[in-house]
Amino acid sequence: MRSSATRTIGGPRKTSVRCDPGGTPVAVSGRRVECVRDEWRVDEGWWSGRPVHRRYFEVVLAGGADVVVFADRRSGEWWAQRA
């Protein structure tokens, strides 16, 4: 019998991020950010009762890994989407 459970591949996971005074990441999971490739905000869902307010960054870490991280501006938690 097959399980009906589904699993999200590449879904966000909590991470630790250290930021400069302006809120830009300088380290992700203890690894130095070499450069910020992009930054954007998502503010949507206000009409649904479950609004989303996030600040996203695509960064390159020391060693060359490309990572997308975002701050949930409601909870203050940081999440990573790929590493």
PDB file of N, CA and C in Angstrom:
ATOM      1  N   MET A   1       0.833  -1.167   0.000  1.00  0.00           N
ATOM      2  CA  MET A   1       0.000   0.000   0.000  1.00  0.00           C
ATOM      3  C   MET A   1       0.885   1.240   0.000  1.00  0.00           C
ATOM      4  N   ARG A   2       0.548   2.208  -0.811  1.00  0.00           N
ATOM      5  CA  ARG A   2       1.310   3.440  -0.903  1.00  0.00           C
ATOM      6  C   ARG A   2       0.878   4.420   0.179  1.00  0.00           C
ATOM      7  N   SER A   3       1.851   5.191   0.642  1.00  0.00           N
ATOM      8  CA  SER A   3       1.557   6.250   1.604  1.00  0.00           C
ATOM      9  C   SER A   3       1.001   7.452   0.857  1.00  0.00           C
ATOM     10  N   SER A   4       0.045   8.123   1.452  1.00  0.00           N
ATOM     11  CA  SER A   4      -0.533   9.306   0.824  1.00  0.00           C
ATOM     12  C   SER A   4       0.212  10.583   1.214  1.00  0.00           C
ATOM     13  N   ALA A   5       1.262  10.450   2.042  1.00  0.00           N
ATOM     14  CA  ALA A   5       2.030  11.615   2.466  1.00  0.00           C
ATOM     15  C   ALA A   5       2.838  12.159   1.298  1.00  0.00           C
ATOM     16  N   THR A   6       2.899  13.470   1.222  1.00  0.00           N
ATOM     17  CA  THR A   6       3.730  14.109   0.206  1.00  0.00           C
ATOM     18  C   THR A   6       4.884  14.821   0.890  1.00  0.00           C
ATOM     19  N   ARG A   7       5.915  15.027   0.123  1.00  0.00           N
ATOM     20  CA  ARG A   7       7.106  15.676   0.650  1.00  0.00           C
ATOM     21  C   ARG A   7       7.512  16.782  -0.312  1.00  0.00           C
ATOM     22  N   THR A   8       7.781  17.951   0.225  1.00  0.00           N
ATOM     23  CA  THR A   8       8.222  19.071  -0.582  1.00  0.00           C
ATOM     24  C   THR A   8       9.726  18.962  -0.802  1.00  0.00           C
ATOM     25  N   ILE A   9      10.137  19.028  -2.049  1.00  0.00           N
ATOM     26  CA  ILE A   9      11.558  18.977  -2.378  1.00  0.00           C
ATOM     27  C   ILE A   9      12.065  20.409  -2.509  1.00  0.00           C
ATOM     28  N   GLY A  10      13.154  20.699  -1.835  1.00  0.00           N
ATOM     29  CA  GLY A  10      13.739  22.034  -1.911  1.00  0.00           C
ATOM     30  C   GLY A  10      12.974  23.091  -1.148  1.00  0.00           C
ATOM     31  N   GLY A  11      12.120  22.668  -0.238  1.00  0.00           N
ATOM     32  CA  GLY A  11      11.353  23.630   0.553  1.00  0.00           C
ATOM     33  C   GLY A  11      12.240  24.377   1.525  1.00  0.00           C
ATOM     34  N   PRO A  12      11.769  25.504   2.030  1.00  0.00           N
ATOM     35  CA  PRO A  12      12.585  26.296   2.949  1.00  0.00           C
ATOM     36  C   PRO A  12      12.827  25.585   4.266  1.00  0.00           C
ATOM     37  N   ARG A  13      13.987  25.878   4.858  1.00  0.00           N
ATOM     38  CA  ARG A  13      14.334  25.338   6.170  1.00  0.00           C
ATOM     39  C   ARG A  13      14.949  26.463   6.990  1.00  0.00           C
ATOM     40  N   LYS A  14      14.710  26.440   8.286  1.00  0.00           N
ATOM     41  CA  LYS A  14      15.246  27.485   9.158  1.00  0.00           C
ATOM     42  C   LYS A  14      16.761  27.491   9.080  1.00  0.00           C
ATOM     43  N   THR A  15      17.319  28.692   9.176  1.00  0.00           N
ATOM     44  CA  THR A  15      18.771  28.842   9.145  1.00  0.00           C
ATOM     45  C   THR A  15      19.171  30.010  10.025  1.00  0.00           C
ATOM     46  N   SER A  16      20.446  30.096  10.333  1.00  0.00           N
ATOM     47  CA  SER A  16      20.953  31.238  11.104  1.00  0.00           C
ATOM     48  C   SER A  16      21.608  32.215  10.136  1.00  0.00           C
ATOM     49  N   VAL A  17      21.276  33.480  10.308  1.00  0.00           N
ATOM     50  CA  VAL A  17      21.811  34.542   9.451  1.00  0.00           C
ATOM     51  C   VAL A  17      22.282  35.679  10.342  1.00  0.00           C
ATOM     52  N   ARG A  18      23.487  36.150  10.078  1.00  0.00           N
ATOM     53  CA  ARG A  18      24.018  37.336  10.749  1.00  0.00           C
ATOM     54  C   ARG A  18      23.975  38.469   9.737  1.00  0.00           C
ATOM     55  N   CYS A  19      23.478  39.637  10.159  1.00  0.00           N
ATOM     56  CA  CYS A  19      23.278  40.760   9.235  1.00  0.00           C
ATOM     57  C   CYS A  19      24.089  41.974   9.649  1.00  0.00           C
ATOM     58  N   ASP A  20      24.301  42.859   8.658  1.00  0.00           N
ATOM     59  CA  ASP A  20      24.894  44.164   8.953  1.00  0.00           C
ATOM     60  C   ASP A  20      23.787  45.054   9.532  1.00  0.00           C
ATOM     61  N   PRO A  21      24.117  46.280   9.943  1.00  0.00           N
ATOM     62  CA  PRO A  21      23.102  47.156  10.549  1.00  0.00           C
ATOM     63  C   PRO A  21      21.900  47.447   9.643  1.00  0.00           C
ATOM     64  N   GLY A  22      22.064  47.337   8.330  1.00  0.00           N
ATOM     65  CA  GLY A  22      20.954  47.580   7.404  1.00  0.00           C
ATOM     66  C   GLY A  22      20.088  46.365   7.149  1.00  0.00           C
ATOM     67  N   GLY A  23      20.435  45.229   7.771  1.00  0.00           N
ATOM     68  CA  GLY A  23      19.642  44.022   7.610  1.00  0.00           C
ATOM     69  C   GLY A  23      20.067  43.128   6.466  1.00  0.00           C
ATOM     70  N   THR A  24      21.212  43.419   5.839  1.00  0.00           N
ATOM     71  CA  THR A  24      21.721  42.594   4.748  1.00  0.00           C
ATOM     72  C   THR A  24      22.582  41.478   5.316  1.00  0.00           C
ATOM     73  N   PRO A  25      22.377  40.238   4.873  1.00  0.00           N
ATOM     74  CA  PRO A  25      23.160  39.118   5.408  1.00  0.00           C
ATOM     75  C   PRO A  25      24.664  39.261   5.159  1.00  0.00           C
ATOM     76  N   VAL A  26      25.455  38.960   6.198  1.00  0.00           N
ATOM     77  CA  VAL A  26      26.907  38.917   6.075  1.00  0.00           C
ATOM     78  C   VAL A  26      27.432  37.505   6.332  1.00  0.00           C
ATOM     79  N   ALA A  27      26.578  36.631   6.914  1.00  0.00           N
ATOM     80  CA  ALA A  27      26.935  35.233   7.132  1.00  0.00           C
ATOM     81  C   ALA A  27      25.658  34.401   7.201  1.00  0.00           C
ATOM     82  N   VAL A  28      25.712  33.214   6.616  1.00  0.00           N
ATOM     83  CA  VAL A  28      24.591  32.269   6.633  1.00  0.00           C
ATOM     84  C   VAL A  28      25.132  30.944   7.163  1.00  0.00           C
ATOM     85  N   SER A  29      24.543  30.462   8.236  1.00  0.00           N
ATOM     86  CA  SER A  29      24.980  29.216   8.888  1.00  0.00           C
ATOM     87  C   SER A  29      26.479  29.237   9.162  1.00  0.00           C
ATOM     88  N   GLY A  30      26.980  30.401   9.576  1.00  0.00           N
ATOM     89  CA  GLY A  30      28.389  30.539   9.924  1.00  0.00           C
ATOM     90  C   GLY A  30      29.327  30.729   8.741  1.00  0.00           C
ATOM     91  N   ARG A  31      28.803  30.731   7.526  1.00  0.00           N
ATOM     92  CA  ARG A  31      29.642  30.918   6.322  1.00  0.00           C
ATOM     93  C   ARG A  31      29.515  32.353   5.824  1.00  0.00           C
ATOM     94  N   ARG A  32      30.659  32.971   5.551  1.00  0.00           N
ATOM     95  CA  ARG A  32      30.698  34.369   5.118  1.00  0.00           C
ATOM     96  C   ARG A  32      29.994  34.559   3.774  1.00  0.00           C
ATOM     97  N   VAL A  33      29.242  35.642   3.661  1.00  0.00           N
ATOM     98  CA  VAL A  33      28.615  36.017   2.395  1.00  0.00           C
ATOM     99  C   VAL A  33      29.650  36.784   1.576  1.00  0.00           C
ATOM    100  N   GLU A  34      29.975  36.254   0.398  1.00  0.00           N
ATOM    101  CA  GLU A  34      30.933  36.912  -0.505  1.00  0.00           C
ATOM    102  C   GLU A  34      30.268  38.066  -1.250  1.00  0.00           C
ATOM    103  N   CYS A  35      29.041  37.852  -1.718  1.00  0.00           N
ATOM    104  CA  CYS A  35      28.329  38.931  -2.403  1.00  0.00           C
ATOM    105  C   CYS A  35      26.823  38.666  -2.377  1.00  0.00           C
ATOM    106  N   VAL A  36      26.089  39.749  -2.464  1.00  0.00           N
ATOM    107  CA  VAL A  36      24.634  39.684  -2.594  1.00  0.00           C
ATOM    108  C   VAL A  36      24.327  39.864  -4.072  1.00  0.00           C
ATOM    109  N   ARG A  37      23.715  38.844  -4.683  1.00  0.00           N
ATOM    110  CA  ARG A  37      23.409  38.899  -6.115  1.00  0.00           C
ATOM    111  C   ARG A  37      22.091  39.608  -6.403  1.00  0.00           C
ATOM    112  N   ASP A  38      21.128  39.489  -5.471  1.00  0.00           N
ATOM    113  CA  ASP A  38      19.818  40.088  -5.696  1.00  0.00           C
ATOM    114  C   ASP A  38      19.107  40.243  -4.362  1.00  0.00           C
ATOM    115  N   GLU A  39      18.158  41.146  -4.324  1.00  0.00           N
ATOM    116  CA  GLU A  39      17.316  41.355  -3.144  1.00  0.00           C
ATOM    117  C   GLU A  39      15.926  41.742  -3.630  1.00  0.00           C
ATOM    118  N   TRP A  40      14.896  41.189  -2.974  1.00  0.00           N
ATOM    119  CA  TRP A  40      13.523  41.555  -3.310  1.00  0.00           C
ATOM    120  C   TRP A  40      12.613  41.301  -2.114  1.00  0.00           C
ATOM    121  N   ARG A  41      11.467  41.911  -2.165  1.00  0.00           N
ATOM    122  CA  ARG A  41      10.469  41.761  -1.096  1.00  0.00           C
ATOM    123  C   ARG A  41       9.196  41.143  -1.662  1.00  0.00           C
ATOM    124  N   VAL A  42       8.539  40.383  -0.816  1.00  0.00           N
ATOM    125  CA  VAL A  42       7.236  39.817  -1.161  1.00  0.00           C
ATOM    126  C   VAL A  42       6.269  40.233  -0.061  1.00  0.00           C
ATOM    127  N   ASP A  43       5.245  40.951  -0.457  1.00  0.00           N
ATOM    128  CA  ASP A  43       4.169  41.366   0.449  1.00  0.00           C
ATOM    129  C   ASP A  43       2.867  41.022  -0.256  1.00  0.00           C
ATOM    130  N   GLU A  44       2.256  39.916   0.147  1.00  0.00           N
ATOM    131  CA  GLU A  44       1.041  39.471  -0.525  1.00  0.00           C
ATOM    132  C   GLU A  44       0.154  38.703   0.433  1.00  0.00           C
ATOM    133  N   GLY A  45      -1.012  38.373  -0.025  1.00  0.00           N
ATOM    134  CA  GLY A  45      -1.943  37.580   0.757  1.00  0.00           C
ATOM    135  C   GLY A  45      -2.721  38.367   1.791  1.00  0.00           C
ATOM    136  N   TRP A  46      -2.601  39.690   1.761  1.00  0.00           N
ATOM    137  CA  TRP A  46      -3.310  40.507   2.743  1.00  0.00           C
ATOM    138  C   TRP A  46      -4.815  40.274   2.681  1.00  0.00           C
ATOM    139  N   TRP A  47      -5.306  39.867   1.542  1.00  0.00           N
ATOM    140  CA  TRP A  47      -6.731  39.633   1.350  1.00  0.00           C
ATOM    141  C   TRP A  47      -7.185  38.273   1.877  1.00  0.00           C
ATOM    142  N   SER A  48      -6.243  37.388   2.165  1.00  0.00           N
ATOM    143  CA  SER A  48      -6.594  36.009   2.522  1.00  0.00           C
ATOM    144  C   SER A  48      -6.650  35.745   4.024  1.00  0.00           C
ATOM    145  N   GLY A  49      -6.200  36.696   4.817  1.00  0.00           N
ATOM    146  CA  GLY A  49      -6.123  36.453   6.254  1.00  0.00           C
ATOM    147  C   GLY A  49      -4.828  35.760   6.649  1.00  0.00           C
ATOM    148  N   ARG A  50      -3.984  35.390   5.659  1.00  0.00           N
ATOM    149  CA  ARG A  50      -2.675  34.766   5.917  1.00  0.00           C
ATOM    150  C   ARG A  50      -1.614  35.522   5.119  1.00  0.00           C
ATOM    151  N   PRO A  51      -1.388  36.781   5.464  1.00  0.00           N
ATOM    152  CA  PRO A  51      -0.448  37.581   4.679  1.00  0.00           C
ATOM    153  C   PRO A  51       0.992  37.086   4.796  1.00  0.00           C
ATOM    154  N   VAL A  52       1.766  37.345   3.757  1.00  0.00           N
ATOM    155  CA  VAL A  52       3.178  37.001   3.692  1.00  0.00           C
ATOM    156  C   VAL A  52       3.958  38.296   3.542  1.00  0.00           C
ATOM    157  N   HIS A  53       4.937  38.492   4.418  1.00  0.00           N
ATOM    158  CA  HIS A  53       5.813  39.657   4.364  1.00  0.00           C
ATOM    159  C   HIS A  53       7.247  39.136   4.505  1.00  0.00           C
ATOM    160  N   ARG A  54       7.962  39.081   3.392  1.00  0.00           N
ATOM    161  CA  ARG A  54       9.307  38.511   3.401  1.00  0.00           C
ATOM    162  C   ARG A  54      10.292  39.422   2.676  1.00  0.00           C
ATOM    163  N   ARG A  55      11.542  39.346   3.111  1.00  0.00           N
ATOM    164  CA  ARG A  55      12.650  40.026   2.436  1.00  0.00           C
ATOM    165  C   ARG A  55      13.630  38.943   2.011  1.00  0.00           C
ATOM    166  N   TYR A  56      13.801  38.801   0.712  1.00  0.00           N
ATOM    167  CA  TYR A  56      14.636  37.752   0.130  1.00  0.00           C
ATOM    168  C   TYR A  56      15.997  38.298  -0.292  1.00  0.00           C
ATOM    169  N   PHE A  57      17.010  37.421  -0.221  1.00  0.00           N
ATOM    170  CA  PHE A  57      18.351  37.721  -0.730  1.00  0.00           C
ATOM    171  C   PHE A  57      18.875  36.480  -1.443  1.00  0.00           C
ATOM    172  N   GLU A  58      19.452  36.679  -2.615  1.00  0.00           N
ATOM    173  CA  GLU A  58      20.244  35.629  -3.252  1.00  0.00           C
ATOM    174  C   GLU A  58      21.686  36.003  -2.985  1.00  0.00           C
ATOM    175  N   VAL A  59      22.404  35.119  -2.302  1.00  0.00           N
ATOM    176  CA  VAL A  59      23.778  35.415  -1.902  1.00  0.00           C
ATOM    177  C   VAL A  59      24.717  34.305  -2.366  1.00  0.00           C
ATOM    178  N   VAL A  60      25.987  34.669  -2.508  1.00  0.00           N
ATOM    179  CA  VAL A  60      27.039  33.699  -2.782  1.00  0.00           C
ATOM    180  C   VAL A  60      27.890  33.610  -1.524  1.00  0.00           C
ATOM    181  N   LEU A  61      28.032  32.387  -1.012  1.00  0.00           N
ATOM    182  CA  LEU A  61      28.792  32.169   0.212  1.00  0.00           C
ATOM    183  C   LEU A  61      30.250  31.880  -0.102  1.00  0.00           C
ATOM    184  N   ALA A  62      31.112  32.020   0.917  1.00  0.00           N
ATOM    185  CA  ALA A  62      32.512  31.632   0.775  1.00  0.00           C
ATOM    186  C   ALA A  62      32.548  30.184   0.297  1.00  0.00           C
ATOM    187  N   GLY A  63      33.299  29.925  -0.725  1.00  0.00           N
ATOM    188  CA  GLY A  63      33.340  28.588  -1.317  1.00  0.00           C
ATOM    189  C   GLY A  63      32.500  28.477  -2.572  1.00  0.00           C
ATOM    190  N   GLY A  64      31.653  29.491  -2.834  1.00  0.00           N
ATOM    191  CA  GLY A  64      30.922  29.547  -4.093  1.00  0.00           C
ATOM    192  C   GLY A  64      29.477  29.082  -4.087  1.00  0.00           C
ATOM    193  N   ALA A  65      28.950  28.605  -2.960  1.00  0.00           N
ATOM    194  CA  ALA A  65      27.557  28.143  -2.932  1.00  0.00           C
ATOM    195  C   ALA A  65      26.597  29.323  -3.114  1.00  0.00           C
ATOM    196  N   ASP A  66      25.609  29.128  -3.972  1.00  0.00           N
ATOM    197  CA  ASP A  66      24.568  30.126  -4.214  1.00  0.00           C
ATOM    198  C   ASP A  66      23.360  29.752  -3.357  1.00  0.00           C
ATOM    199  N   VAL A  67      22.903  30.688  -2.527  1.00  0.00           N
ATOM    200  CA  VAL A  67      21.821  30.403  -1.580  1.00  0.00           C
ATOM    201  C   VAL A  67      20.784  31.522  -1.641  1.00  0.00           C
ATOM    202  N   VAL A  68      19.514  31.150  -1.550  1.00  0.00           N
ATOM    203  CA  VAL A  68      18.441  32.130  -1.378  1.00  0.00           C
ATOM    204  C   VAL A  68      17.972  32.023   0.059  1.00  0.00           C
ATOM    205  N   VAL A  69      18.029  33.143   0.774  1.00  0.00           N
ATOM    206  CA  VAL A  69      17.543  33.200   2.148  1.00  0.00           C
ATOM    207  C   VAL A  69      16.471  34.275   2.229  1.00  0.00           C
ATOM    208  N   PHE A  70      15.568  34.101   3.187  1.00  0.00           N
ATOM    209  CA  PHE A  70      14.579  35.147   3.396  1.00  0.00           C
ATOM    210  C   PHE A  70      14.266  35.305   4.864  1.00  0.00           C
ATOM    211  N   ALA A  71      13.948  36.551   5.215  1.00  0.00           N
ATOM    212  CA  ALA A  71      13.516  36.867   6.565  1.00  0.00           C
ATOM    213  C   ALA A  71      12.005  36.983   6.542  1.00  0.00           C
ATOM    214  N   ASP A  72      11.351  36.217   7.394  1.00  0.00           N
ATOM    215  CA  ASP A  72       9.912  36.376   7.591  1.00  0.00           C
ATOM    216  C   ASP A  72       9.765  37.615   8.462  1.00  0.00           C
ATOM    217  N   ARG A  73       9.289  38.685   7.881  1.00  0.00           N
ATOM    218  CA  ARG A  73       9.255  39.957   8.591  1.00  0.00           C
ATOM    219  C   ARG A  73       8.218  39.976   9.700  1.00  0.00           C
ATOM    220  N   ARG A  74       7.341  39.004   9.748  1.00  0.00           N
ATOM    221  CA  ARG A  74       6.364  38.937  10.848  1.00  0.00           C
ATOM    222  C   ARG A  74       6.961  38.239  12.058  1.00  0.00           C
ATOM    223  N   SER A  75       7.683  37.132  11.830  1.00  0.00           N
ATOM    224  CA  SER A  75       8.232  36.354  12.950  1.00  0.00           C
ATOM    225  C   SER A  75       9.681  36.700  13.265  1.00  0.00           C
ATOM    226  N   GLY A  76      10.393  37.290  12.287  1.00  0.00           N
ATOM    227  CA  GLY A  76      11.820  37.579  12.467  1.00  0.00           C
ATOM    228  C   GLY A  76      12.718  36.388  12.179  1.00  0.00           C
ATOM    229  N   GLU A  77      12.141  35.261  11.796  1.00  0.00           N
ATOM    230  CA  GLU A  77      12.929  34.060  11.518  1.00  0.00           C
ATOM    231  C   GLU A  77      13.527  34.109  10.111  1.00  0.00           C
ATOM    232  N   TRP A  78      14.690  33.472   9.974  1.00  0.00           N
ATOM    233  CA  TRP A  78      15.367  33.366   8.679  1.00  0.00           C
ATOM    234  C   TRP A  78      15.225  31.941   8.146  1.00  0.00           C
ATOM    235  N   TRP A  79      15.078  31.846   6.844  1.00  0.00           N
ATOM    236  CA  TRP A  79      14.905  30.578   6.162  1.00  0.00           C
ATOM    237  C   TRP A  79      15.800  30.542   4.922  1.00  0.00           C
ATOM    238  N   ALA A  80      16.275  29.339   4.569  1.00  0.00           N
ATOM    239  CA  ALA A  80      17.082  29.135   3.362  1.00  0.00           C
ATOM    240  C   ALA A  80      16.289  28.254   2.418  1.00  0.00           C
ATOM    241  N   GLN A  81      16.374  28.555   1.125  1.00  0.00           N
ATOM    242  CA  GLN A  81      15.647  27.779   0.134  1.00  0.00           C
ATOM    243  C   GLN A  81      16.523  26.863  -0.687  1.00  0.00           C
ATOM    244  N   ARG A  82      17.794  27.164  -0.811  1.00  0.00           N
ATOM    245  CA  ARG A  82      18.706  26.256  -1.489  1.00  0.00           C
ATOM    246  C   ARG A  82      20.114  26.579  -1.015  1.00  0.00           C
ATOM    247  N   ALA A  83      20.928  25.542  -1.052  1.00  0.00           N
ATOM    248  CA  ALA A  83      22.330  25.738  -0.635  1.00  0.00           C
ATOM    249  C   ALA A  83      23.198  24.768  -1.393  1.00  0.00           C
TER     250      ALA A  83
END
